[in-house]
Amino acid sequence: MGEVVPFRRPRASEKHKGDTLCRRGFHKWEIVQEQRFDVKRGCLVTVYRCARCGAEKNEAR
């Protein structure tokens, strides 16, 4: 006979862990690539990605 696995719902804090800060605009930005050159703008572009939610933003230097 197999093992009985208890069913437990995830708590709200476990389900949305680290997501509430991003929803309020407090992302944890990390640099994805150091130097990327945009041909149309003619300048270097830095790509940032949030470590929690995966959102991306670009910043031209």
C-alpha atoms as a PDB file:
ATOM      1  CA  MET A   1       0.000   0.000   0.000  1.00  0.00           C
ATOM      2  CA  GLY A   2       1.233   3.499  -0.847  1.00  0.00           C
ATOM      3  CA  GLU A   3       1.929   6.429   1.406  1.00  0.00           C
ATOM      4  CA  VAL A   4      -0.875   8.850   2.226  1.00  0.00           C
ATOM      5  CA  VAL A   5       0.035  12.402   1.244  1.00  0.00           C
ATOM      6  CA  PRO A   6      -1.853  15.048   3.246  1.00  0.00           C
ATOM      7  CA  PHE A   7      -3.510  17.776   1.170  1.00  0.00           C
ATOM      8  CA  ARG A   8      -2.694  21.285   2.350  1.00  0.00           C
ATOM      9  CA  ARG A   9      -3.612  24.542   0.681  1.00  0.00           C
ATOM     10  CA  PRO A  10      -0.810  27.070   0.288  1.00  0.00           C
ATOM     11  CA  ARG A  11      -1.182  30.071   2.541  1.00  0.00           C
ATOM     12  CA  ALA A  12      -1.633  33.506   0.990  1.00  0.00           C
ATOM     13  CA  SER A  13       1.802  34.516   2.263  1.00  0.00           C
ATOM     14  CA  GLU A  14       3.394  31.520   0.531  1.00  0.00           C
ATOM     15  CA  LYS A  15       1.434  32.022  -2.665  1.00  0.00           C
ATOM     16  CA  HIS A  16       2.356  35.705  -3.128  1.00  0.00           C
ATOM     17  CA  LYS A  17       5.790  35.641  -1.485  1.00  0.00           C
ATOM     18  CA  GLY A  18       7.879  38.575  -2.748  1.00  0.00           C
ATOM     19  CA  ASP A  19       5.180  39.689  -5.194  1.00  0.00           C
ATOM     20  CA  THR A  20       3.500  42.373  -3.086  1.00  0.00           C
ATOM     21  CA  LEU A  21       6.533  44.669  -3.179  1.00  0.00           C
ATOM     22  CA  CYS A  22       6.623  44.541  -6.985  1.00  0.00           C
ATOM     23  CA  ARG A  23       2.917  45.300  -7.251  1.00  0.00           C
ATOM     24  CA  ARG A  24       3.523  48.485  -5.285  1.00  0.00           C
ATOM     25  CA  GLY A  25       6.461  49.537  -7.487  1.00  0.00           C
ATOM     26  CA  PHE A  26       9.376  48.398  -5.302  1.00  0.00           C
ATOM     27  CA  HIS A  27      11.161  46.089  -7.743  1.00  0.00           C
ATOM     28  CA  LYS A  28      14.538  44.476  -7.089  1.00  0.00           C
ATOM     29  CA  TRP A  29      16.381  45.489 -10.262  1.00  0.00           C
ATOM     30  CA  GLU A  30      19.446  43.545 -11.417  1.00  0.00           C
ATOM     31  CA  ILE A  31      21.551  44.203 -14.525  1.00  0.00           C
ATOM     32  CA  VAL A  32      21.116  41.562 -17.234  1.00  0.00           C
ATOM     33  CA  GLN A  33      23.822  42.682 -19.685  1.00  0.00           C
ATOM     34  CA  GLU A  34      26.522  45.195 -18.960  1.00  0.00           C
ATOM     35  CA  GLN A  35      26.815  46.807 -22.400  1.00  0.00           C
ATOM     36  CA  ARG A  36      24.331  46.624 -25.238  1.00  0.00           C
ATOM     37  CA  PHE A  37      24.432  49.038 -28.161  1.00  0.00           C
ATOM     38  CA  ASP A  38      21.196  50.342 -29.712  1.00  0.00           C
ATOM     39  CA  VAL A  39      21.749  51.157 -33.382  1.00  0.00           C
ATOM     40  CA  LYS A  40      18.686  53.401 -33.790  1.00  0.00           C
ATOM     41  CA  ARG A  41      19.501  55.581 -30.772  1.00  0.00           C
ATOM     42  CA  GLY A  42      23.261  55.403 -31.256  1.00  0.00           C
ATOM     43  CA  CYS A  43      24.016  54.846 -27.574  1.00  0.00           C
ATOM     44  CA  LEU A  44      24.600  52.152 -24.977  1.00  0.00           C
ATOM     45  CA  VAL A  45      21.521  50.611 -23.341  1.00  0.00           C
ATOM     46  CA  THR A  46      21.466  48.849 -19.966  1.00  0.00           C
ATOM     47  CA  VAL A  47      18.822  46.142 -19.474  1.00  0.00           C
ATOM     48  CA  TYR A  48      17.439  45.603 -15.964  1.00  0.00           C
ATOM     49  CA  ARG A  49      15.319  42.619 -14.830  1.00  0.00           C
ATOM     50  CA  CYS A  50      13.460  42.284 -11.530  1.00  0.00           C
ATOM     51  CA  ALA A  51      14.689  39.311  -9.502  1.00  0.00           C
ATOM     52  CA  ARG A  52      11.234  38.735  -7.993  1.00  0.00           C
ATOM     53  CA  CYS A  53       8.698  39.098 -10.808  1.00  0.00           C
ATOM     54  CA  GLY A  54      10.789  39.111 -14.007  1.00  0.00           C
ATOM     55  CA  ALA A  55       9.732  42.554 -15.283  1.00  0.00           C
ATOM     56  CA  GLU A  56      12.246  44.305 -17.533  1.00  0.00           C
ATOM     57  CA  LYS A  57      13.217  47.918 -18.135  1.00  0.00           C
ATOM     58  CA  ASN A  58      15.788  49.626 -20.363  1.00  0.00           C
ATOM     59  CA  GLU A  59      17.910  52.628 -19.579  1.00  0.00           C
ATOM     60  CA  ALA A  60      19.889  54.592 -22.159  1.00  0.00           C
ATOM     61  CA  ARG A  61      23.164  56.139 -21.042  1.00  0.00           C
END
